[in-house]
Amino acid sequence: MPPLPSPNDLPASPSELADLALRTAVAAADMVRERRSAGFGIATKSTATDMVTDVDKASDVLIRGLLLDSRPDDGLVTEEDADQPGTTGVVWVVDPIDGTTNFVYGHPPYAVSIGACVGGRPIAGAIVEISADDRYVASIGGGSYRNGSRLRLNEPPELSRALISTGFGYDPDRRRDQAALLGRIIDQVRDVRRLGAAAFDLCSIAAGRIDGYYEHGLNDWDLAAGQIIAAEAGAVVEHLTGGVPAPPGCIIAAHPDLVGPLRDLLLTHGADEL
């Protein structure tokens, strides 16, 4: 995939798209927070553990309406509804509630994630962790911010002292294989966290709450906004074997000086075979 053109050559201003993403994510997060306290219905999708709630669907409807009211000719891809083609070159990639299982159990984090992509590459995005109203936003060349404060990665620790995050898929066989991989690497890092929301994992890289992250089986809506937020804070976000992230393949994210050792560890123990 070719590199993106400069921000001045893009079909829309990345900073303006980021502002719209954040406004929309805040509105959806406010609605989800209110609806959760009133109760909600639950169904399942791909497996018995892959849940969706009526609040996920309501968030999806709200986000679609707000984005298309502002930019009616853009494309739109969301987790809970059909894709909508566009003509501007901008495609919004949306997870109306990332971390639905956490949402159901009242176990943060769970977040609204909205990314704006051009040519399949994110150029702006916003993520709001709903329970704490924790707000992240970034645009290409414009930096990454949490609640208005600029995010920049600190120098990383050595791999043996790095806190690593990951996640698991819904298919039982794949989950078993992913857990086995984790058992092969856990003694070679400081420790491992499983946050349950990929978008928030990537925000946590940007904010310095974890040092590295990897996960198999993500979808575009899990990745788009978090990718630009982590990257604009200074992180490398790539496919495990290098290059542009390509869901559902394994994604890796870390400081540029840590991503190589973490990649080597994962490949040595067969992460590319899952």
Protein backbone atom coordinates (compact mmCIF):
# COMPACT_ATOMS: atom_id res chain seq x y z
CA MET A 1 0.00 0.00 0.00
CA PRO A 2 1.50 3.37 -0.98
CA PRO A 3 2.17 6.01 1.68
CA LEU A 4 -0.44 8.63 2.36
CA PRO A 5 -0.03 12.02 0.69
CA SER A 6 0.77 15.01 2.85
CA PRO A 7 -2.07 16.39 5.01
CA ASN A 8 -2.49 19.30 2.60
CA ASP A 9 -3.21 16.87 -0.26
CA LEU A 10 -5.85 14.81 1.55
CA PRO A 11 -9.55 15.06 0.59
CA ALA A 12 -10.42 16.63 3.97
CA SER A 13 -8.62 18.33 6.83
CA PRO A 14 -7.40 15.67 9.30
CA SER A 15 -7.79 18.05 12.22
CA GLU A 16 -11.39 18.83 11.27
CA LEU A 17 -12.14 15.12 10.92
CA ALA A 18 -10.58 14.51 14.33
CA ASP A 19 -12.78 17.23 15.86
CA LEU A 20 -15.88 15.65 14.33
CA ALA A 21 -14.82 12.18 15.49
CA LEU A 22 -14.35 13.42 19.05
CA ARG A 23 -17.64 15.33 19.20
CA THR A 24 -19.45 12.29 17.88
CA ALA A 25 -17.68 9.86 20.20
CA VAL A 26 -18.47 12.05 23.22
CA ALA A 27 -22.16 12.19 22.26
CA ALA A 28 -22.31 8.41 21.79
CA ALA A 29 -20.44 7.75 25.05
CA ASP A 30 -22.86 9.99 26.94
CA MET A 31 -25.81 8.08 25.48
CA VAL A 32 -24.28 4.67 26.23
CA ARG A 33 -23.52 5.67 29.81
CA GLU A 34 -27.10 6.79 30.34
CA ARG A 35 -28.62 3.75 28.61
CA ARG A 36 -26.52 1.30 30.61
CA SER A 37 -28.00 2.52 33.88
CA ALA A 38 -31.52 1.96 32.49
CA GLY A 39 -30.92 -1.69 31.51
CA PHE A 40 -30.34 -3.37 28.15
CA GLY A 41 -30.97 -6.51 26.12
CA ILE A 42 -28.26 -8.96 25.03
CA ALA A 43 -27.91 -11.21 21.96
CA THR A 44 -24.97 -13.14 20.46
CA LYS A 45 -23.24 -13.04 17.06
CA SER A 46 -20.38 -15.25 15.84
CA THR A 47 -20.19 -17.49 18.94
CA ALA A 48 -21.98 -17.86 22.26
CA THR A 49 -19.36 -15.57 23.84
CA ASP A 50 -19.56 -12.85 21.15
CA MET A 51 -22.21 -10.58 22.64
CA VAL A 52 -24.05 -7.59 21.24
CA THR A 53 -26.52 -5.39 23.14
CA ASP A 54 -29.30 -3.10 22.06
CA VAL A 55 -27.09 -0.26 23.33
CA ASP A 56 -24.36 -1.22 20.82
CA LYS A 57 -26.96 -0.90 18.09
CA ALA A 58 -28.33 2.39 19.43
CA SER A 59 -24.81 3.80 19.57
CA ASP A 60 -24.24 2.69 15.99
CA VAL A 61 -27.42 4.48 14.85
CA LEU A 62 -26.49 7.68 16.70
CA ILE A 63 -22.93 7.75 15.32
CA ARG A 64 -24.10 7.12 11.76
CA GLY A 65 -26.58 9.94 12.00
CA LEU A 66 -24.12 12.47 13.44
CA LEU A 67 -21.33 11.67 10.98
CA LEU A 68 -23.53 11.63 7.89
CA ASP A 69 -25.39 14.77 8.92
CA SER A 70 -22.01 16.54 8.90
CA ARG A 71 -20.45 14.72 5.93
CA PRO A 72 -23.21 13.00 3.92
CA ASP A 73 -20.98 11.89 1.05
CA ASP A 74 -18.38 10.03 3.12
CA GLY A 75 -18.20 6.25 3.33
CA LEU A 76 -19.04 4.45 6.55
CA VAL A 77 -18.07 1.06 8.00
CA THR A 78 -19.43 0.10 11.41
CA GLU A 79 -19.49 -3.12 13.41
CA GLU A 80 -23.26 -3.34 13.80
CA ASP A 81 -24.70 -2.33 10.42
CA ALA A 82 -24.13 -2.52 6.66
CA ASP A 83 -21.32 -0.59 5.01
CA GLN A 84 -22.25 2.63 3.25
CA PRO A 85 -20.26 3.69 0.19
CA GLY A 86 -19.09 7.26 -0.26
CA THR A 87 -17.66 9.53 -2.91
CA THR A 88 -15.24 11.81 -1.03
CA GLY A 89 -12.40 9.35 -0.36
CA VAL A 90 -13.00 9.55 3.40
CA VAL A 91 -14.34 6.40 5.08
CA TRP A 92 -15.41 6.40 8.73
CA VAL A 93 -14.60 3.16 10.56
CA VAL A 94 -16.60 2.82 13.76
CA ASP A 95 -16.93 0.54 16.76
CA PRO A 96 -20.00 1.81 18.65
CA ILE A 97 -18.92 -0.04 21.82
CA ASP A 98 -15.48 -1.62 21.81
CA GLY A 99 -15.35 -4.05 24.71
CA THR A 100 -18.99 -5.14 24.76
CA THR A 101 -18.29 -7.96 27.22
CA ASN A 102 -16.77 -5.42 29.61
CA PHE A 103 -19.80 -3.19 29.08
CA VAL A 104 -22.21 -6.02 29.91
CA TYR A 105 -20.36 -6.82 33.13
CA GLY A 106 -19.74 -3.20 34.10
CA HIS A 107 -16.00 -3.81 33.94
CA PRO A 108 -14.01 -0.92 32.37
CA PRO A 109 -12.65 -0.28 29.84
CA TYR A 110 -15.32 -0.09 27.17
CA ALA A 111 -15.17 2.64 24.57
CA VAL A 112 -16.59 4.36 21.51
CA SER A 113 -14.04 4.27 18.69
CA ILE A 114 -14.30 6.40 15.52
CA GLY A 115 -11.59 6.57 12.87
CA ALA A 116 -11.45 8.45 9.56
CA CYS A 117 -9.52 6.63 6.83
CA VAL A 118 -8.27 7.49 3.36
CA GLY A 119 -7.09 4.69 1.09
CA GLY A 120 -7.50 2.27 3.98
CA ARG A 121 -5.17 4.28 6.22
CA PRO A 122 -6.37 6.17 9.32
CA ILE A 123 -5.76 9.92 9.21
CA ALA A 124 -7.82 10.95 12.24
CA GLY A 125 -9.61 9.31 15.11
CA ALA A 126 -11.15 9.61 18.53
CA ILE A 127 -11.79 7.14 21.33
CA VAL A 128 -13.80 7.81 24.47
CA GLU A 129 -13.62 5.33 27.34
CA ILE A 130 -17.23 5.48 28.43
CA SER A 131 -17.18 4.71 32.16
CA ALA A 132 -14.61 7.41 32.99
CA ASP A 133 -15.29 9.79 30.08
CA ASP A 134 -11.58 9.47 29.20
CA ARG A 135 -11.10 11.18 25.80
CA TYR A 136 -8.40 10.51 23.19
CA VAL A 137 -8.02 12.17 19.79
CA ALA A 138 -5.37 12.35 17.06
CA SER A 139 -4.86 13.44 13.48
CA ILE A 140 -2.04 12.68 11.08
CA GLY A 141 0.76 15.17 11.63
CA GLY A 142 -1.23 16.84 14.40
CA GLY A 143 -0.29 14.79 17.41
CA SER A 144 -2.20 12.65 19.89
CA TYR A 145 -4.06 13.98 22.95
CA ARG A 146 -5.73 12.69 26.08
CA ASN A 147 -8.25 15.05 27.68
CA GLY A 148 -6.47 17.95 26.00
CA SER A 149 -2.92 16.99 27.02
CA ARG A 150 -0.35 15.98 24.41
CA LEU A 151 0.74 12.32 24.47
CA ARG A 152 4.34 11.32 23.74
CA LEU A 153 5.93 7.95 24.43
CA ASN A 154 8.61 7.73 27.08
CA GLU A 155 11.79 5.72 26.53
CA PRO A 156 10.84 2.04 26.72
CA PRO A 157 12.15 -0.54 29.19
CA GLU A 158 14.01 -3.63 28.09
CA LEU A 159 11.68 -6.40 26.94
CA SER A 160 12.17 -8.35 30.17
CA ARG A 161 10.75 -5.36 32.09
CA ALA A 162 8.01 -4.48 29.62
CA LEU A 163 4.31 -4.69 30.49
CA ILE A 164 2.55 -6.28 27.53
CA SER A 165 -1.15 -6.36 26.68
CA THR A 166 -3.03 -8.74 24.42
CA GLY A 167 -6.51 -10.05 23.70
CA PHE A 168 -8.23 -13.27 22.65
CA GLY A 169 -10.65 -14.18 19.88
CA TYR A 170 -14.14 -15.61 20.28
CA ASP A 171 -13.54 -18.99 18.62
CA PRO A 172 -12.71 -21.55 21.36
CA ASP A 173 -9.94 -23.28 19.39
CA ARG A 174 -8.23 -20.00 18.58
CA ARG A 175 -8.53 -18.84 22.18
CA ARG A 176 -6.82 -22.04 23.31
CA ASP A 177 -3.94 -21.46 20.88
CA GLN A 178 -3.61 -17.81 21.91
CA ALA A 179 -3.49 -18.77 25.58
CA ALA A 180 -0.80 -21.36 24.83
CA LEU A 181 1.30 -18.70 23.09
CA LEU A 182 0.92 -16.44 26.09
CA GLY A 183 2.20 -19.23 28.33
CA ARG A 184 5.33 -19.50 26.18
CA ILE A 185 6.25 -15.81 26.49
CA ILE A 186 4.99 -14.66 29.88
CA ASP A 187 8.25 -15.48 31.69
CA GLN A 188 10.19 -13.26 29.26
CA VAL A 189 8.35 -9.99 29.94
CA ARG A 190 7.47 -8.11 33.13
CA ASP A 191 3.83 -9.19 33.04
CA VAL A 192 0.78 -9.34 30.79
CA ARG A 193 -2.57 -7.53 30.89
CA ARG A 194 -5.81 -8.40 29.10
CA LEU A 195 -7.93 -5.22 29.02
CA GLY A 196 -10.75 -6.50 26.83
CA ALA A 197 -10.97 -3.56 24.41
CA ALA A 198 -8.45 -3.30 21.58
CA ALA A 199 -9.06 0.39 20.96
CA PHE A 200 -8.25 1.14 24.59
CA ASP A 201 -5.13 -1.07 24.44
CA LEU A 202 -3.81 1.23 21.72
CA CYS A 203 -4.71 4.31 23.76
CA SER A 204 -2.84 2.70 26.65
CA ILE A 205 0.29 2.44 24.50
CA ALA A 206 -0.02 6.18 23.75
CA ALA A 207 -0.61 7.04 27.41
CA GLY A 208 2.21 4.84 28.75
CA ARG A 209 -0.01 2.47 30.75
CA ILE A 210 1.46 -0.49 28.85
CA ASP A 211 4.70 -0.88 26.92
CA GLY A 212 3.65 -3.21 24.13
CA TYR A 213 0.55 -4.77 22.62
CA TYR A 214 -0.21 -7.59 20.23
CA GLU A 215 -3.42 -9.28 19.16
CA HIS A 216 -4.68 -11.65 16.47
CA GLY A 217 -8.05 -11.42 14.77
CA LEU A 218 -8.86 -7.72 15.05
CA ASN A 219 -11.31 -6.06 12.70
CA ASP A 220 -10.83 -2.70 11.00
CA TRP A 221 -13.14 -0.99 13.49
CA ASP A 222 -11.04 -2.32 16.40
CA LEU A 223 -7.94 -0.72 14.97
CA ALA A 224 -8.58 2.44 12.94
CA ALA A 225 -8.86 5.12 15.64
CA GLY A 226 -6.44 3.46 18.06
CA GLN A 227 -3.80 3.11 15.36
CA ILE A 228 -3.59 6.83 14.66
CA ILE A 229 -3.72 7.70 18.38
CA ALA A 230 -0.82 5.36 19.18
CA ALA A 231 1.18 6.34 16.09
CA GLU A 232 0.87 10.07 16.67
CA ALA A 233 2.19 9.53 20.22
CA GLY A 234 5.30 7.93 18.68
CA ALA A 235 4.45 4.22 18.60
CA VAL A 236 4.97 1.78 15.76
CA VAL A 237 1.73 -0.01 14.86
CA GLU A 238 2.32 -2.77 12.31
CA HIS A 239 1.42 -6.23 11.15
CA LEU A 240 3.44 -8.75 13.16
CA THR A 241 5.65 -9.53 10.17
CA GLY A 242 6.09 -5.84 9.32
CA GLY A 243 4.33 -3.30 7.19
CA VAL A 244 0.84 -1.86 7.26
CA PRO A 245 -1.51 -3.50 9.80
CA ALA A 246 -3.78 -5.95 8.02
CA PRO A 247 -6.67 -7.28 10.11
CA PRO A 248 -7.36 -10.08 10.94
CA GLY A 249 -3.62 -10.82 11.00
CA CYS A 250 -1.60 -10.25 14.15
CA ILE A 251 -1.10 -6.58 15.03
CA ILE A 252 1.83 -5.34 17.14
CA ALA A 253 2.30 -1.92 18.73
CA ALA A 254 5.15 -0.53 20.82
CA HIS A 255 7.86 2.12 21.01
CA PRO A 256 10.16 1.91 17.96
CA ASP A 257 13.00 0.60 20.15
CA LEU A 258 10.82 -2.12 21.71
CA VAL A 259 8.79 -3.30 18.75
CA GLY A 260 11.69 -5.31 17.26
CA PRO A 261 12.48 -7.37 20.39
CA LEU A 262 8.78 -7.95 21.03
CA ARG A 263 8.25 -9.02 17.42
CA ASP A 264 11.20 -11.43 17.60
CA LEU A 265 9.85 -12.98 20.82
CA LEU A 266 6.40 -13.50 19.33
CA LEU A 267 7.71 -14.94 16.07
CA THR A 268 10.11 -17.26 17.88
CA HIS A 269 7.16 -18.77 19.71
CA GLY A 270 4.91 -19.15 16.68
CA ALA A 271 2.65 -16.13 16.84
CA ASP A 272 2.54 -15.89 13.05
CA GLU A 273 1.03 -19.39 12.86
CA LEU A 274 -2.13 -18.67 14.84
